[in-house]
Amino acid sequence: MNGEKSKVLRITLVRSPIGYARDQKATVRALGLRRLHQTVEKADTPVIRGMVAKVQHLVKVEEVKG
């Protein structure tokens, strides 16, 4: 690229998806989150941002320079 570092999102599951809609549970799983307080790092793309927006009440997100 042009010397620019890509951003990474650190996503942590802070609330259980139990009791929420099936599509929200599926979104949490698609993000790679299986357990409470588990953290994954994903590239900052519009697709990932959309997934995070859908389950923003269940996760905590931090931006990390990658």
N, C-alpha and C. Protein backbone atom coordinates (compact mmCIF):
# COMPACT_ATOMS: atom_id res chain seq x y z
N MET A 1 0.84 -1.18 0.00
CA MET A 1 0.00 0.00 0.00
C MET A 1 0.89 1.24 0.00
N ASN A 2 0.34 2.35 0.43
CA ASN A 2 1.11 3.59 0.41
C ASN A 2 1.66 3.93 1.79
N GLY A 3 2.19 2.94 2.48
CA GLY A 3 2.79 3.16 3.79
C GLY A 3 1.78 3.32 4.91
N GLU A 4 0.53 3.15 4.60
CA GLU A 4 -0.54 3.33 5.57
C GLU A 4 -0.84 2.00 6.25
N LYS A 5 -0.91 2.00 7.57
CA LYS A 5 -1.22 0.77 8.29
C LYS A 5 -2.73 0.57 8.31
N SER A 6 -3.16 -0.67 8.13
CA SER A 6 -4.60 -0.95 8.17
C SER A 6 -5.06 -1.00 9.62
N LYS A 7 -6.28 -0.55 9.84
CA LYS A 7 -6.83 -0.55 11.19
C LYS A 7 -7.39 -1.92 11.51
N VAL A 8 -7.37 -2.24 12.78
CA VAL A 8 -7.90 -3.50 13.28
C VAL A 8 -8.89 -3.18 14.39
N LEU A 9 -9.97 -3.94 14.43
CA LEU A 9 -10.95 -3.79 15.51
C LEU A 9 -10.77 -4.94 16.49
N ARG A 10 -10.67 -4.61 17.76
CA ARG A 10 -10.62 -5.62 18.82
C ARG A 10 -12.03 -5.70 19.39
N ILE A 11 -12.67 -6.84 19.20
CA ILE A 11 -14.08 -7.02 19.56
C ILE A 11 -14.17 -8.02 20.71
N THR A 12 -14.84 -7.62 21.79
CA THR A 12 -14.98 -8.46 22.98
C THR A 12 -16.47 -8.68 23.27
N LEU A 13 -16.85 -9.92 23.50
CA LEU A 13 -18.23 -10.24 23.86
C LEU A 13 -18.42 -9.95 25.34
N VAL A 14 -19.28 -8.99 25.68
CA VAL A 14 -19.46 -8.60 27.07
C VAL A 14 -20.84 -8.97 27.62
N ARG A 15 -21.78 -9.29 26.74
CA ARG A 15 -23.10 -9.76 27.19
C ARG A 15 -23.47 -11.01 26.42
N SER A 16 -24.19 -11.90 27.06
CA SER A 16 -24.59 -13.15 26.44
C SER A 16 -25.67 -12.91 25.39
N PRO A 17 -25.57 -13.58 24.26
CA PRO A 17 -26.62 -13.45 23.24
C PRO A 17 -27.86 -14.31 23.54
N ILE A 18 -27.85 -15.04 24.66
CA ILE A 18 -29.02 -15.84 25.03
C ILE A 18 -30.19 -14.89 25.26
N GLY A 19 -31.31 -15.23 24.68
CA GLY A 19 -32.50 -14.40 24.83
C GLY A 19 -32.66 -13.36 23.75
N TYR A 20 -31.69 -13.26 22.84
CA TYR A 20 -31.78 -12.33 21.72
C TYR A 20 -32.14 -13.11 20.46
N ALA A 21 -32.47 -12.38 19.42
CA ALA A 21 -32.91 -12.99 18.17
C ALA A 21 -31.85 -13.92 17.58
N ARG A 22 -32.29 -14.91 16.85
CA ARG A 22 -31.41 -15.91 16.25
C ARG A 22 -30.36 -15.27 15.34
N ASP A 23 -30.77 -14.25 14.58
CA ASP A 23 -29.80 -13.62 13.67
C ASP A 23 -28.71 -12.88 14.44
N GLN A 24 -29.01 -12.38 15.63
CA GLN A 24 -27.99 -11.73 16.44
C GLN A 24 -27.01 -12.76 16.99
N LYS A 25 -27.52 -13.91 17.40
CA LYS A 25 -26.65 -15.00 17.86
C LYS A 25 -25.73 -15.44 16.72
N ALA A 26 -26.29 -15.54 15.52
CA ALA A 26 -25.50 -15.96 14.37
C ALA A 26 -24.42 -14.93 14.03
N THR A 27 -24.74 -13.66 14.21
CA THR A 27 -23.76 -12.60 13.94
C THR A 27 -22.61 -12.68 14.93
N VAL A 28 -22.91 -12.92 16.19
CA VAL A 28 -21.87 -13.06 17.21
C VAL A 28 -20.96 -14.23 16.85
N ARG A 29 -21.54 -15.36 16.45
CA ARG A 29 -20.75 -16.53 16.06
C ARG A 29 -19.91 -16.24 14.81
N ALA A 30 -20.50 -15.53 13.86
CA ALA A 30 -19.79 -15.20 12.62
C ALA A 30 -18.59 -14.29 12.89
N LEU A 31 -18.67 -13.51 13.94
CA LEU A 31 -17.53 -12.68 14.33
C LEU A 31 -16.44 -13.51 14.99
N GLY A 32 -16.74 -14.77 15.29
CA GLY A 32 -15.76 -15.66 15.90
C GLY A 32 -15.81 -15.69 17.41
N LEU A 33 -16.89 -15.17 17.97
CA LEU A 33 -17.03 -15.10 19.42
C LEU A 33 -17.89 -16.26 19.92
N ARG A 34 -17.34 -17.03 20.85
CA ARG A 34 -18.05 -18.18 21.39
C ARG A 34 -18.35 -18.04 22.87
N ARG A 35 -17.46 -17.37 23.62
CA ARG A 35 -17.61 -17.27 25.08
C ARG A 35 -17.62 -15.82 25.53
N LEU A 36 -18.22 -15.58 26.68
CA LEU A 36 -18.18 -14.25 27.27
C LEU A 36 -16.74 -13.83 27.52
N HIS A 37 -16.45 -12.58 27.32
CA HIS A 37 -15.14 -11.97 27.53
C HIS A 37 -14.07 -12.49 26.57
N GLN A 38 -14.49 -13.24 25.57
CA GLN A 38 -13.54 -13.65 24.52
C GLN A 38 -13.32 -12.45 23.60
N THR A 39 -12.09 -12.28 23.15
CA THR A 39 -11.74 -11.16 22.28
C THR A 39 -11.18 -11.68 20.96
N VAL A 40 -11.61 -11.06 19.87
CA VAL A 40 -11.07 -11.37 18.56
C VAL A 40 -10.64 -10.07 17.90
N GLU A 41 -9.70 -10.17 16.98
CA GLU A 41 -9.28 -9.00 16.21
C GLU A 41 -9.66 -9.22 14.76
N LYS A 42 -10.35 -8.25 14.20
CA LYS A 42 -10.81 -8.32 12.81
C LYS A 42 -10.38 -7.06 12.08
N ALA A 43 -10.16 -7.18 10.78
CA ALA A 43 -9.83 -6.02 9.95
C ALA A 43 -11.01 -5.06 9.96
N ASP A 44 -10.71 -3.78 9.94
CA ASP A 44 -11.75 -2.75 9.97
C ASP A 44 -12.30 -2.55 8.56
N THR A 45 -13.36 -3.33 8.24
CA THR A 45 -14.00 -3.23 6.93
C THR A 45 -15.46 -2.86 7.12
N PRO A 46 -16.11 -2.37 6.08
CA PRO A 46 -17.54 -2.04 6.21
C PRO A 46 -18.39 -3.25 6.60
N VAL A 47 -18.02 -4.43 6.16
CA VAL A 47 -18.78 -5.63 6.51
C VAL A 47 -18.71 -5.89 8.01
N ILE A 48 -17.50 -5.85 8.57
CA ILE A 48 -17.32 -6.08 10.00
C ILE A 48 -18.00 -4.98 10.81
N ARG A 49 -17.88 -3.73 10.34
CA ARG A 49 -18.55 -2.61 11.04
C ARG A 49 -20.05 -2.83 11.09
N GLY A 50 -20.63 -3.34 10.00
CA GLY A 50 -22.07 -3.60 9.97
C GLY A 50 -22.47 -4.69 10.94
N MET A 51 -21.64 -5.74 11.01
CA MET A 51 -21.92 -6.83 11.94
C MET A 51 -21.86 -6.33 13.38
N VAL A 52 -20.85 -5.51 13.67
CA VAL A 52 -20.70 -4.96 15.02
C VAL A 52 -21.89 -4.06 15.35
N ALA A 53 -22.33 -3.27 14.40
CA ALA A 53 -23.47 -2.37 14.63
C ALA A 53 -24.73 -3.16 14.98
N LYS A 54 -24.87 -4.33 14.38
CA LYS A 54 -26.06 -5.15 14.62
C LYS A 54 -26.10 -5.70 16.05
N VAL A 55 -24.92 -5.95 16.63
CA VAL A 55 -24.86 -6.53 17.98
C VAL A 55 -24.10 -5.60 18.94
N GLN A 56 -24.21 -4.30 18.72
CA GLN A 56 -23.45 -3.34 19.53
C GLN A 56 -23.81 -3.40 21.00
N HIS A 57 -25.00 -3.89 21.33
CA HIS A 57 -25.41 -4.00 22.73
C HIS A 57 -24.79 -5.22 23.42
N LEU A 58 -24.12 -6.07 22.66
CA LEU A 58 -23.51 -7.29 23.22
C LEU A 58 -21.99 -7.24 23.25
N VAL A 59 -21.40 -6.33 22.51
CA VAL A 59 -19.94 -6.32 22.36
C VAL A 59 -19.33 -4.99 22.74
N LYS A 60 -18.01 -5.04 23.01
CA LYS A 60 -17.22 -3.83 23.22
C LYS A 60 -16.19 -3.80 22.10
N VAL A 61 -16.01 -2.63 21.48
CA VAL A 61 -15.12 -2.53 20.33
C VAL A 61 -14.05 -1.48 20.60
N GLU A 62 -12.81 -1.84 20.28
CA GLU A 62 -11.68 -0.90 20.37
C GLU A 62 -10.96 -0.88 19.03
N GLU A 63 -10.50 0.29 18.63
CA GLU A 63 -9.70 0.39 17.41
C GLU A 63 -8.24 0.23 17.78
N VAL A 64 -7.54 -0.59 17.01
CA VAL A 64 -6.14 -0.87 17.25
C VAL A 64 -5.39 -0.58 15.96
N LYS A 65 -4.23 0.03 16.07
CA LYS A 65 -3.42 0.23 14.86
C LYS A 65 -2.75 -1.10 14.54
N GLY A 66 -2.97 -1.59 13.33
CA GLY A 66 -2.46 -2.89 12.95
C GLY A 66 -1.32 -2.80 12.11
